[in-house]
PDB file of N, CA and C in Angstrom:
ATOM      1  N   UNK A   1      -3.331  20.666  -6.472  1.00  0.00           N
ATOM      2  CA  UNK A   1      -3.501  19.657  -7.526  1.00  0.00           C
ATOM      3  C   UNK A   1      -4.873  18.987  -7.390  1.00  0.00           C
ATOM      4  N   UNK A   2      -5.319  18.839  -6.124  1.00  0.00           N
ATOM      5  CA  UNK A   2      -6.611  18.222  -5.873  1.00  0.00           C
ATOM      6  C   UNK A   2      -7.713  19.279  -5.834  1.00  0.00           C
ATOM      7  N   UNK A   3      -8.641  19.238  -6.784  1.00  0.00           N
ATOM      8  CA  UNK A   3      -9.720  20.235  -6.863  1.00  0.00           C
ATOM      9  C   UNK A   3     -10.688  20.125  -5.703  1.00  0.00           C
ATOM     10  N   UNK A   4     -10.666  18.979  -5.029  1.00  0.00           N
ATOM     11  CA  UNK A   4     -11.587  18.766  -3.916  1.00  0.00           C
ATOM     12  C   UNK A   4     -10.911  19.049  -2.586  1.00  0.00           C
ATOM     13  N   UNK A   5      -9.726  19.643  -2.628  1.00  0.00           N
ATOM     14  CA  UNK A   5      -8.992  19.895  -1.399  1.00  0.00           C
ATOM     15  C   UNK A   5      -9.771  20.849  -0.491  1.00  0.00           C
ATOM     16  N   UNK A   6      -9.883  20.449   0.773  1.00  0.00           N
ATOM     17  CA  UNK A   6     -10.589  21.287   1.733  1.00  0.00           C
ATOM     18  C   UNK A   6     -12.092  21.067   1.691  1.00  0.00           C
ATOM     19  N   UNK A   7     -12.519  20.046   0.953  1.00  0.00           N
ATOM     20  CA  UNK A   7     -13.948  19.759   0.840  1.00  0.00           C
ATOM     21  C   UNK A   7     -14.205  18.315   1.263  1.00  0.00           C
ATOM     22  N   UNK A   8     -15.451  17.989   1.592  1.00  0.00           N
ATOM     23  CA  UNK A   8     -15.817  16.626   1.986  1.00  0.00           C
ATOM     24  C   UNK A   8     -15.452  15.595   0.913  1.00  0.00           C
ATOM     25  N   UNK A   9     -15.424  16.051  -0.336  1.00  0.00           N
ATOM     26  CA  UNK A   9     -15.113  15.142  -1.442  1.00  0.00           C
ATOM     27  C   UNK A   9     -13.640  14.749  -1.422  1.00  0.00           C
ATOM     28  N   UNK A  10     -12.829  15.579  -0.748  1.00  0.00           N
ATOM     29  CA  UNK A  10     -11.399  15.312  -0.690  1.00  0.00           C
ATOM     30  C   UNK A  10     -11.133  14.002   0.030  1.00  0.00           C
ATOM     31  N   UNK A  11     -11.946  13.755   1.074  1.00  0.00           N
ATOM     32  CA  UNK A  11     -11.792  12.514   1.840  1.00  0.00           C
ATOM     33  C   UNK A  11     -12.120  11.310   0.964  1.00  0.00           C
ATOM     34  N   UNK A  12     -13.149  11.474   0.138  1.00  0.00           N
ATOM     35  CA  UNK A  12     -13.572  10.380  -0.738  1.00  0.00           C
ATOM     36  C   UNK A  12     -12.496  10.069  -1.774  1.00  0.00           C
ATOM     37  N   UNK A  13     -11.962  11.106  -2.402  1.00  0.00           N
ATOM     38  CA  UNK A  13     -10.951  10.925  -3.435  1.00  0.00           C
ATOM     39  C   UNK A  13      -9.679  10.340  -2.841  1.00  0.00           C
ATOM     40  N   UNK A  14      -9.379  10.744  -1.606  1.00  0.00           N
ATOM     41  CA  UNK A  14      -8.165  10.262  -0.942  1.00  0.00           C
ATOM     42  C   UNK A  14      -8.272   8.763  -0.683  1.00  0.00           C
ATOM     43  N   UNK A  15      -9.420   8.344  -0.166  1.00  0.00           N
ATOM     44  CA  UNK A  15      -9.643   6.934   0.143  1.00  0.00           C
ATOM     45  C   UNK A  15      -9.669   6.107  -1.137  1.00  0.00           C
ATOM     46  N   UNK A  16     -10.088   6.745  -2.238  1.00  0.00           N
ATOM     47  CA  UNK A  16     -10.145   6.046  -3.516  1.00  0.00           C
ATOM     48  C   UNK A  16      -8.742   5.865  -4.080  1.00  0.00           C
ATOM     49  N   UNK A  17      -7.906   6.875  -3.881  1.00  0.00           N
ATOM     50  CA  UNK A  17      -6.534   6.823  -4.395  1.00  0.00           C
ATOM     51  C   UNK A  17      -5.666   5.890  -3.576  1.00  0.00           C
ATOM     52  N   UNK A  18      -5.957   5.818  -2.268  1.00  0.00           N
ATOM     53  CA  UNK A  18      -5.151   4.969  -1.390  1.00  0.00           C
ATOM     54  C   UNK A  18      -6.057   4.051  -0.564  1.00  0.00           C
ATOM     55  N   UNK A  19      -6.645   3.039  -1.212  1.00  0.00           N
ATOM     56  CA  UNK A  19      -7.551   2.120  -0.523  1.00  0.00           C
ATOM     57  C   UNK A  19      -6.792   1.159   0.391  1.00  0.00           C
ATOM     58  N   UNK A  20      -5.466   1.118   0.244  1.00  0.00           N
ATOM     59  CA  UNK A  20      -4.652   0.204   1.036  1.00  0.00           C
ATOM     60  C   UNK A  20      -4.537   0.694   2.480  1.00  0.00           C
ATOM     61  N   UNK A  21      -4.716   2.009   2.672  1.00  0.00           N
ATOM     62  CA  UNK A  21      -4.606   2.556   4.019  1.00  0.00           C
ATOM     63  C   UNK A  21      -5.859   2.258   4.831  1.00  0.00           C
ATOM     64  N   UNK A  22      -5.689   1.678   6.016  1.00  0.00           N
ATOM     65  CA  UNK A  22      -6.817   1.379   6.888  1.00  0.00           C
ATOM     66  C   UNK A  22      -7.288   2.628   7.616  1.00  0.00           C
ATOM     67  N   UNK A  23      -8.549   2.672   8.044  1.00  0.00           N
ATOM     68  CA  UNK A  23      -9.089   3.809   8.778  1.00  0.00           C
ATOM     69  C   UNK A  23      -8.409   3.957  10.133  1.00  0.00           C
ATOM     70  N   UNK A  24      -7.443   4.848  10.225  1.00  0.00           N
ATOM     71  CA  UNK A  24      -6.710   5.021  11.472  1.00  0.00           C
ATOM     72  C   UNK A  24      -6.258   6.472  11.609  1.00  0.00           C
ATOM     73  N   UNK A  25      -5.884   6.901  12.830  1.00  0.00           N
ATOM     74  CA  UNK A  25      -5.422   8.275  13.063  1.00  0.00           C
ATOM     75  C   UNK A  25      -4.250   8.651  12.165  1.00  0.00           C
ATOM     76  N   UNK A  26      -3.470   7.663  11.754  1.00  0.00           N
ATOM     77  CA  UNK A  26      -2.295   7.938  10.921  1.00  0.00           C
ATOM     78  C   UNK A  26      -2.713   8.467   9.558  1.00  0.00           C
ATOM     79  N   UNK A  27      -3.989   8.211   9.201  1.00  0.00           N
ATOM     80  CA  UNK A  27      -4.478   8.666   7.899  1.00  0.00           C
ATOM     81  C   UNK A  27      -4.430  10.177   7.812  1.00  0.00           C
ATOM     82  N   UNK A  28      -4.578  10.838   8.963  1.00  0.00           N
ATOM     83  CA  UNK A  28      -4.555  12.293   8.994  1.00  0.00           C
ATOM     84  C   UNK A  28      -3.174  12.809   8.595  1.00  0.00           C
ATOM     85  N   UNK A  29      -2.147  12.023   8.910  1.00  0.00           N
ATOM     86  CA  UNK A  29      -0.777  12.426   8.602  1.00  0.00           C
ATOM     87  C   UNK A  29      -0.494  12.232   7.115  1.00  0.00           C
ATOM     88  N   UNK A  30      -0.986  11.130   6.564  1.00  0.00           N
ATOM     89  CA  UNK A  30      -0.738  10.837   5.153  1.00  0.00           C
ATOM     90  C   UNK A  30      -1.676  11.628   4.256  1.00  0.00           C
ATOM     91  N   UNK A  31      -2.721  12.213   4.860  1.00  0.00           N
ATOM     92  CA  UNK A  31      -3.713  12.961   4.083  1.00  0.00           C
ATOM     93  C   UNK A  31      -3.068  14.099   3.307  1.00  0.00           C
ATOM     94  N   UNK A  32      -2.334  15.037   3.974  1.00  0.00           N
ATOM     95  CA  UNK A  32      -1.707  16.149   3.268  1.00  0.00           C
ATOM     96  C   UNK A  32      -0.593  15.674   2.346  1.00  0.00           C
ATOM     97  N   UNK A  33       0.068  14.579   2.726  1.00  0.00           N
ATOM     98  CA  UNK A  33       1.161  14.062   1.919  1.00  0.00           C
ATOM     99  C   UNK A  33       0.611  13.528   0.600  1.00  0.00           C
ATOM    100  N   UNK A  34      -0.541  12.855   0.679  1.00  0.00           N
ATOM    101  CA  UNK A  34      -1.153  12.316  -0.530  1.00  0.00           C
ATOM    102  C   UNK A  34      -1.625  13.431  -1.443  1.00  0.00           C
ATOM    103  N   UNK A  35      -2.071  14.533  -0.849  1.00  0.00           N
ATOM    104  CA  UNK A  35      -2.554  15.665  -1.644  1.00  0.00           C
ATOM    105  C   UNK A  35      -1.388  16.327  -2.373  1.00  0.00           C
ATOM    106  N   UNK A  36      -0.254  16.430  -1.668  1.00  0.00           N
ATOM    107  CA  UNK A  36       0.912  17.083  -2.251  1.00  0.00           C
ATOM    108  C   UNK A  36       1.466  16.226  -3.392  1.00  0.00           C
ATOM    109  N   UNK A  37       1.356  14.921  -3.219  1.00  0.00           N
ATOM    110  CA  UNK A  37       1.897  14.025  -4.221  1.00  0.00           C
ATOM    111  C   UNK A  37       0.912  13.824  -5.345  1.00  0.00           C
TER     112      UNK A  37
END
């Protein structure tokens, strides 16, 4: 669903979609979940 998946831009779009999440190791876990959703 995310055209930027697997690219540096994916990180940017993810942080833009979920700005409430703080920069933490847990972000790696929610990263694929956010992409799937």
